[in-house]
C-alpha atoms as a PDB file:
ATOM      1  CA  MET A   1      31.034 160.056  51.436  1.00  0.00           C
ATOM      2  CA  ARG A   2      34.723 160.815  51.595  1.00  0.00           C
ATOM      3  CA  ARG A   3      37.344 159.092  49.457  1.00  0.00           C
ATOM      4  CA  VAL A   4      39.974 157.118  51.359  1.00  0.00           C
ATOM      5  CA  ILE A   5      43.398 156.292  49.932  1.00  0.00           C
ATOM      6  CA  LYS A   6      44.630 153.182  51.715  1.00  0.00           C
ATOM      7  CA  GLY A   7      48.144 152.773  52.968  1.00  0.00           C
ATOM      8  CA  THR A   8      49.758 149.654  54.393  1.00  0.00           C
ATOM      9  CA  GLU A   9      48.697 147.983  57.589  1.00  0.00           C
ATOM     10  CA  PRO A  10      50.856 148.506  60.705  1.00  0.00           C
ATOM     11  CA  ALA A  11      53.767 146.112  61.093  1.00  0.00           C
ATOM     12  CA  SER A  12      52.512 144.949  64.486  1.00  0.00           C
ATOM     13  CA  LEU A  13      49.270 143.716  62.897  1.00  0.00           C
ATOM     14  CA  THR A  14      51.131 141.940  60.098  1.00  0.00           C
ATOM     15  CA  GLU A  15      53.391 140.199  62.610  1.00  0.00           C
ATOM     16  CA  TRP A  16      50.442 139.224  64.806  1.00  0.00           C
ATOM     17  CA  LYS A  17      48.598 137.659  61.868  1.00  0.00           C
ATOM     18  CA  ALA A  18      51.778 135.890  60.768  1.00  0.00           C
ATOM     19  CA  SER A  19      52.014 134.162  64.156  1.00  0.00           C
ATOM     20  CA  ALA A  20      49.131 131.853  63.209  1.00  0.00           C
ATOM     21  CA  ASN A  21      49.820 128.162  63.697  1.00  0.00           C
ATOM     22  CA  GLU A  22      47.919 124.887  63.617  1.00  0.00           C
ATOM     23  CA  ASP A  23      46.659 125.505  67.154  1.00  0.00           C
ATOM     24  CA  TRP A  24      45.663 129.152  66.756  1.00  0.00           C
ATOM     25  CA  THR A  25      44.102 131.286  64.032  1.00  0.00           C
ATOM     26  CA  PRO A  26      44.024 135.076  64.368  1.00  0.00           C
ATOM     27  CA  THR A  27      40.490 136.494  64.386  1.00  0.00           C
ATOM     28  CA  TYR A  28      39.119 139.992  64.849  1.00  0.00           C
ATOM     29  CA  PRO A  29      37.558 139.203  68.262  1.00  0.00           C
ATOM     30  CA  THR A  30      40.976 138.060  69.534  1.00  0.00           C
ATOM     31  CA  LEU A  31      42.722 141.220  68.322  1.00  0.00           C
ATOM     32  CA  GLN A  32      43.926 143.077  71.421  1.00  0.00           C
ATOM     33  CA  ASN A  33      46.235 145.984  72.238  1.00  0.00           C
ATOM     34  CA  PRO A  34      48.809 147.004  71.232  1.00  0.00           C
ATOM     35  CA  GLN A  35      47.957 145.606  67.782  1.00  0.00           C
ATOM     36  CA  ARG A  36      44.340 146.785  67.907  1.00  0.00           C
ATOM     37  CA  ARG A  37      45.355 150.293  68.959  1.00  0.00           C
ATOM     38  CA  ASP A  38      48.043 150.382  66.260  1.00  0.00           C
ATOM     39  CA  LEU A  39      45.435 149.393  63.673  1.00  0.00           C
ATOM     40  CA  HIS A  40      42.989 152.053  64.859  1.00  0.00           C
ATOM     41  CA  ASN A  41      45.700 154.723  64.829  1.00  0.00           C
ATOM     42  CA  SER A  42      46.845 153.711  61.357  1.00  0.00           C
ATOM     43  CA  LEU A  43      43.316 154.013  59.978  1.00  0.00           C
ATOM     44  CA  LEU A  44      42.856 157.428  61.571  1.00  0.00           C
ATOM     45  CA  GLN A  45      46.174 158.714  60.276  1.00  0.00           C
ATOM     46  CA  GLU A  46      45.583 157.667  56.677  1.00  0.00           C
ATOM     47  CA  GLN A  47      42.179 159.383  56.823  1.00  0.00           C
ATOM     48  CA  ASN A  48      43.701 162.534  58.375  1.00  0.00           C
ATOM     49  CA  PHE A  49      41.537 161.913  61.451  1.00  0.00           C
ATOM     50  CA  LEU A  50      38.304 162.346  59.474  1.00  0.00           C
ATOM     51  CA  CYS A  51      35.419 159.881  59.279  1.00  0.00           C
ATOM     52  CA  CYS A  52      35.445 157.729  56.152  1.00  0.00           C
ATOM     53  CA  TYR A  53      31.731 158.333  55.597  1.00  0.00           C
ATOM     54  CA  CYS A  54      30.645 161.791  56.777  1.00  0.00           C
ATOM     55  CA  GLY A  55      34.041 163.514  57.003  1.00  0.00           C
ATOM     56  CA  ALA A  56      33.648 164.703  60.603  1.00  0.00           C
ATOM     57  CA  GLU A  57      36.737 165.022  62.800  1.00  0.00           C
ATOM     58  CA  THR A  58      37.621 161.839  64.693  1.00  0.00           C
ATOM     59  CA  ASP A  59      40.200 160.489  67.112  1.00  0.00           C
ATOM     60  CA  LEU A  60      40.741 157.345  69.157  1.00  0.00           C
ATOM     61  CA  ASP A  61      38.147 158.396  71.705  1.00  0.00           C
ATOM     62  CA  ASN A  62      35.282 159.178  69.333  1.00  0.00           C
ATOM     63  CA  SER A  63      35.672 156.658  66.521  1.00  0.00           C
ATOM     64  CA  HIS A  64      35.588 152.925  65.915  1.00  0.00           C
ATOM     65  CA  ILE A  65      37.116 150.433  63.511  1.00  0.00           C
ATOM     66  CA  GLU A  66      34.615 149.921  60.709  1.00  0.00           C
ATOM     67  CA  HIS A  67      34.323 146.767  58.611  1.00  0.00           C
ATOM     68  CA  PHE A  68      33.043 147.990  55.247  1.00  0.00           C
ATOM     69  CA  ARG A  69      31.947 144.480  54.355  1.00  0.00           C
ATOM     70  CA  PRO A  70      30.584 143.312  57.719  1.00  0.00           C
ATOM     71  CA  GLN A  71      32.597 140.656  59.495  1.00  0.00           C
ATOM     72  CA  GLU A  72      29.443 138.694  60.338  1.00  0.00           C
ATOM     73  CA  ARG A  73      28.977 137.914  56.646  1.00  0.00           C
ATOM     74  CA  TYR A  74      32.514 138.271  55.295  1.00  0.00           C
ATOM     75  CA  GLN A  75      34.701 136.458  57.816  1.00  0.00           C
ATOM     76  CA  PRO A  76      37.720 136.162  55.462  1.00  0.00           C
ATOM     77  CA  LEU A  77      37.824 139.981  55.300  1.00  0.00           C
ATOM     78  CA  ALA A  78      37.561 140.578  59.053  1.00  0.00           C
ATOM     79  CA  LEU A  79      41.306 141.303  59.329  1.00  0.00           C
ATOM     80  CA  GLU A  80      41.848 142.481  55.751  1.00  0.00           C
ATOM     81  CA  TYR A  81      43.258 146.006  55.963  1.00  0.00           C
ATOM     82  CA  SER A  82      41.607 147.117  52.721  1.00  0.00           C
ATOM     83  CA  ASN A  83      38.201 146.361  54.280  1.00  0.00           C
ATOM     84  CA  LEU A  84      38.841 148.414  57.417  1.00  0.00           C
ATOM     85  CA  HIS A  85      38.248 152.127  58.001  1.00  0.00           C
ATOM     86  CA  ALA A  86      37.838 154.551  60.890  1.00  0.00           C
ATOM     87  CA  SER A  87      34.250 155.714  61.315  1.00  0.00           C
ATOM     88  CA  CYS A  88      33.002 158.364  63.727  1.00  0.00           C
ATOM     89  CA  LEU A  89      31.185 157.598  66.998  1.00  0.00           C
ATOM     90  CA  ARG A  90      32.778 155.379  69.618  1.00  0.00           C
ATOM     91  CA  GLY A  91      29.778 153.698  71.186  1.00  0.00           C
ATOM     92  CA  THR A  92      26.106 153.053  70.613  1.00  0.00           C
ATOM     93  CA  ASN A  93      24.727 154.262  73.918  1.00  0.00           C
ATOM     94  CA  LYS A  94      20.992 154.655  74.275  1.00  0.00           C
ATOM     95  CA  GLY A  95      19.937 158.080  73.092  1.00  0.00           C
ATOM     96  CA  THR A  96      22.914 158.509  70.762  1.00  0.00           C
ATOM     97  CA  LEU A  97      21.823 159.525  67.265  1.00  0.00           C
ATOM     98  CA  LEU A  98      23.549 156.889  65.162  1.00  0.00           C
ATOM     99  CA  HIS A  99      24.978 157.529  61.733  1.00  0.00           C
ATOM    100  CA  CYS A 100      27.827 156.284  59.551  1.00  0.00           C
ATOM    101  CA  GLY A 101      29.316 152.902  60.556  1.00  0.00           C
ATOM    102  CA  HIS A 102      27.212 152.318  63.665  1.00  0.00           C
ATOM    103  CA  ARG A 103      24.034 153.086  61.709  1.00  0.00           C
ATOM    104  CA  LYS A 104      25.060 150.823  58.811  1.00  0.00           C
ATOM    105  CA  ARG A 105      25.868 147.982  61.212  1.00  0.00           C
ATOM    106  CA  SER A 106      25.860 144.637  59.353  1.00  0.00           C
ATOM    107  CA  TRP A 107      24.049 145.879  56.263  1.00  0.00           C
ATOM    108  CA  PHE A 108      25.706 145.282  52.911  1.00  0.00           C
ATOM    109  CA  ASP A 109      24.510 144.818  49.346  1.00  0.00           C
ATOM    110  CA  GLU A 110      26.975 143.973  46.600  1.00  0.00           C
ATOM    111  CA  GLN A 111      24.793 145.767  44.042  1.00  0.00           C
ATOM    112  CA  LEU A 112      23.826 148.839  46.066  1.00  0.00           C
ATOM    113  CA  HIS A 113      26.982 150.020  47.785  1.00  0.00           C
ATOM    114  CA  ILE A 114      29.611 152.684  47.183  1.00  0.00           C
ATOM    115  CA  SER A 115      33.019 152.199  48.753  1.00  0.00           C
ATOM    116  CA  PRO A 116      35.151 155.040  50.159  1.00  0.00           C
ATOM    117  CA  LEU A 117      37.959 153.458  48.121  1.00  0.00           C
ATOM    118  CA  GLU A 118      36.283 154.166  44.775  1.00  0.00           C
ATOM    119  CA  ASP A 119      37.961 156.970  42.848  1.00  0.00           C
ATOM    120  CA  ASP A 120      34.658 158.692  42.056  1.00  0.00           C
ATOM    121  CA  CYS A 121      32.835 158.059  45.333  1.00  0.00           C
ATOM    122  CA  GLU A 122      32.700 161.764  46.219  1.00  0.00           C
ATOM    123  CA  GLN A 123      31.321 162.696  42.799  1.00  0.00           C
ATOM    124  CA  ARG A 124      28.363 160.346  43.286  1.00  0.00           C
ATOM    125  CA  PHE A 125      26.846 162.907  45.678  1.00  0.00           C
ATOM    126  CA  ARG A 126      25.959 166.579  45.541  1.00  0.00           C
ATOM    127  CA  TYR A 127      25.306 169.165  48.235  1.00  0.00           C
ATOM    128  CA  LEU A 128      22.916 172.084  48.527  1.00  0.00           C
ATOM    129  CA  PRO A 129      23.846 175.398  50.202  1.00  0.00           C
ATOM    130  CA  ASN A 130      21.724 174.368  53.201  1.00  0.00           C
ATOM    131  CA  GLY A 131      23.890 171.270  53.684  1.00  0.00           C
ATOM    132  CA  LYS A 132      21.455 168.717  52.318  1.00  0.00           C
ATOM    133  CA  ILE A 133      22.983 165.725  50.540  1.00  0.00           C
ATOM    134  CA  GLN A 134      21.577 164.171  47.365  1.00  0.00           C
ATOM    135  CA  SER A 135      22.544 161.609  44.753  1.00  0.00           C
ATOM    136  CA  ASN A 136      24.364 163.415  41.963  1.00  0.00           C
ATOM    137  CA  HIS A 137      22.135 161.579  39.489  1.00  0.00           C
ATOM    138  CA  PRO A 138      18.518 160.675  40.341  1.00  0.00           C
ATOM    139  CA  ALA A 139      18.957 157.196  38.864  1.00  0.00           C
ATOM    140  CA  ASP A 140      21.979 156.382  41.056  1.00  0.00           C
ATOM    141  CA  ALA A 141      20.370 153.823  43.367  1.00  0.00           C
ATOM    142  CA  PRO A 142      23.609 152.963  45.238  1.00  0.00           C
ATOM    143  CA  ALA A 143      24.139 156.630  46.157  1.00  0.00           C
ATOM    144  CA  ALA A 144      20.578 156.967  47.448  1.00  0.00           C
ATOM    145  CA  THR A 145      20.965 153.715  49.363  1.00  0.00           C
ATOM    146  CA  MET A 146      24.214 154.783  51.023  1.00  0.00           C
ATOM    147  CA  ILE A 147      22.639 158.074  52.131  1.00  0.00           C
ATOM    148  CA  GLU A 148      19.851 156.083  53.764  1.00  0.00           C
ATOM    149  CA  LYS A 149      21.938 153.297  55.300  1.00  0.00           C
ATOM    150  CA  LEU A 150      24.569 155.669  56.697  1.00  0.00           C
ATOM    151  CA  ALA A 151      21.943 158.266  57.730  1.00  0.00           C
ATOM    152  CA  LEU A 152      23.967 160.965  55.999  1.00  0.00           C
ATOM    153  CA  ASP A 153      20.830 163.094  55.721  1.00  0.00           C
ATOM    154  CA  ILE A 154      20.142 163.533  59.442  1.00  0.00           C
ATOM    155  CA  ALA A 155      19.761 167.087  60.751  1.00  0.00           C
ATOM    156  CA  TYR A 156      23.055 167.038  62.698  1.00  0.00           C
ATOM    157  CA  LEU A 157      25.177 166.193  59.645  1.00  0.00           C
ATOM    158  CA  THR A 158      23.163 168.528  57.421  1.00  0.00           C
ATOM    159  CA  LYS A 159      23.910 171.392  59.813  1.00  0.00           C
ATOM    160  CA  ARG A 160      27.625 170.530  59.971  1.00  0.00           C
ATOM    161  CA  ARG A 161      27.830 170.497  56.174  1.00  0.00           C
ATOM    162  CA  GLN A 162      25.973 173.798  55.891  1.00  0.00           C
ATOM    163  CA  GLU A 163      28.406 175.371  58.351  1.00  0.00           C
ATOM    164  CA  ALA A 164      31.384 174.066  56.361  1.00  0.00           C
ATOM    165  CA  ILE A 165      29.988 175.364  53.059  1.00  0.00           C
ATOM    166  CA  THR A 166      28.984 178.813  54.319  1.00  0.00           C
ATOM    167  CA  ARG A 167      32.270 179.226  56.189  1.00  0.00           C
ATOM    168  CA  VAL A 168      34.052 179.179  52.820  1.00  0.00           C
ATOM    169  CA  PHE A 169      31.373 180.384  50.428  1.00  0.00           C
ATOM    170  CA  ASP A 170      29.766 183.476  51.890  1.00  0.00           C
ATOM    171  CA  GLU A 171      27.847 185.855  49.616  1.00  0.00           C
ATOM    172  CA  GLN A 172      30.889 188.029  48.940  1.00  0.00           C
ATOM    173  CA  ILE A 173      33.047 185.063  47.923  1.00  0.00           C
ATOM    174  CA  LEU A 174      30.320 183.572  45.734  1.00  0.00           C
ATOM    175  CA  ALA A 175      30.012 186.873  43.888  1.00  0.00           C
ATOM    176  CA  SER A 176      33.727 187.196  43.168  1.00  0.00           C
ATOM    177  CA  ILE A 177      35.463 183.804  43.154  1.00  0.00           C
ATOM    178  CA  SER A 178      36.964 182.766  39.820  1.00  0.00           C
ATOM    179  CA  ASP A 179      37.090 179.352  38.192  1.00  0.00           C
ATOM    180  CA  THR A 180      40.848 179.302  38.761  1.00  0.00           C
ATOM    181  CA  GLU A 181      40.370 179.939  42.468  1.00  0.00           C
ATOM    182  CA  LEU A 182      37.705 177.245  42.685  1.00  0.00           C
ATOM    183  CA  THR A 183      40.018 174.779  40.946  1.00  0.00           C
ATOM    184  CA  LEU A 184      42.878 175.582  43.322  1.00  0.00           C
ATOM    185  CA  LEU A 185      40.533 175.161  46.286  1.00  0.00           C
ATOM    186  CA  VAL A 186      39.487 171.710  45.092  1.00  0.00           C
ATOM    187  CA  GLN A 187      43.094 170.694  44.468  1.00  0.00           C
ATOM    188  CA  GLY A 188      44.162 171.859  47.910  1.00  0.00           C
ATOM    189  CA  LEU A 189      41.371 170.047  49.726  1.00  0.00           C
ATOM    190  CA  ARG A 190      42.050 166.862  47.772  1.00  0.00           C
ATOM    191  CA  SER A 191      45.847 167.068  47.898  1.00  0.00           C
ATOM    192  CA  GLY A 192      46.256 164.624  50.764  1.00  0.00           C
ATOM    193  CA  ASP A 193      48.255 167.246  52.662  1.00  0.00           C
ATOM    194  CA  ALA A 194      47.170 166.805  56.282  1.00  0.00           C
ATOM    195  CA  ASN A 195      47.688 170.527  56.900  1.00  0.00           C
ATOM    196  CA  LYS A 196      45.014 171.335  54.307  1.00  0.00           C
ATOM    197  CA  GLN A 197      42.423 168.855  55.518  1.00  0.00           C
ATOM    198  CA  LEU A 198      39.428 170.011  57.518  1.00  0.00           C
ATOM    199  CA  ALA A 199      36.221 168.490  58.771  1.00  0.00           C
ATOM    200  CA  PHE A 200      33.743 168.144  55.894  1.00  0.00           C
ATOM    201  CA  GLY A 201      36.424 169.408  53.519  1.00  0.00           C
ATOM    202  CA  HIS A 202      35.307 166.893  50.906  1.00  0.00           C
ATOM    203  CA  VAL A 203      31.880 168.572  50.993  1.00  0.00           C
ATOM    204  CA  VAL A 204      33.456 171.982  50.363  1.00  0.00           C
ATOM    205  CA  ALA A 205      35.527 170.515  47.502  1.00  0.00           C
ATOM    206  CA  ARG A 206      32.468 168.900  45.977  1.00  0.00           C
ATOM    207  CA  TYR A 207      30.454 172.119  46.282  1.00  0.00           C
ATOM    208  CA  ALA A 208      33.271 173.974  44.505  1.00  0.00           C
ATOM    209  CA  GLU A 209      33.129 171.386  41.715  1.00  0.00           C
ATOM    210  CA  GLN A 210      29.401 171.957  41.418  1.00  0.00           C
ATOM    211  CA  LEU A 211      30.005 175.707  41.073  1.00  0.00           C
ATOM    212  CA  LEU A 212      32.563 175.031  38.349  1.00  0.00           C
ATOM    213  CA  ALA A 213      30.044 172.893  36.474  1.00  0.00           C
ATOM    214  CA  SER A 214      27.191 175.391  36.781  1.00  0.00           C
END
């Protein structure tokens, strides 16, 4: 899971919601363009065009607006900006291997979830050199649950993570990299600078932290 630092909702969405009157109440199903597109773009931009869950690259054409707490069960949060993220995969066509938001669907458990907004959400997971994802602590039931519900352990994502890790940490680098260099790498990947963000960069940062702790 990738940490998300929320910004403010787009002005067009705020104005649209403020137009509520006694004859009309804004709801998510009635949200249309340009406000819907502005919302989607805002979510993508604050996430540096990376999925809130797996960290894969996303854009308007291959992502969707994700309700962290599902709108079917949490109607008051359906238009709450803090509950909305951009998750990878646009549609759920037959044959598409679902993961992240589309795999999670309407599941939610107040006791067994981890939010991308939590400061330590990335540290709740660890990664192996082969790209496999695990709970950082065996007793962390929410971490294990999120891996399952988001299907973060499927072969496709495992391969993408392995590629990201080995692209940075080849055998030569692993044999020579210093703690200072590892620390600078983590800081750069977590800086929020869009120019330093890359797909699965949070995985690389977390792997560097694991090397520092070993």
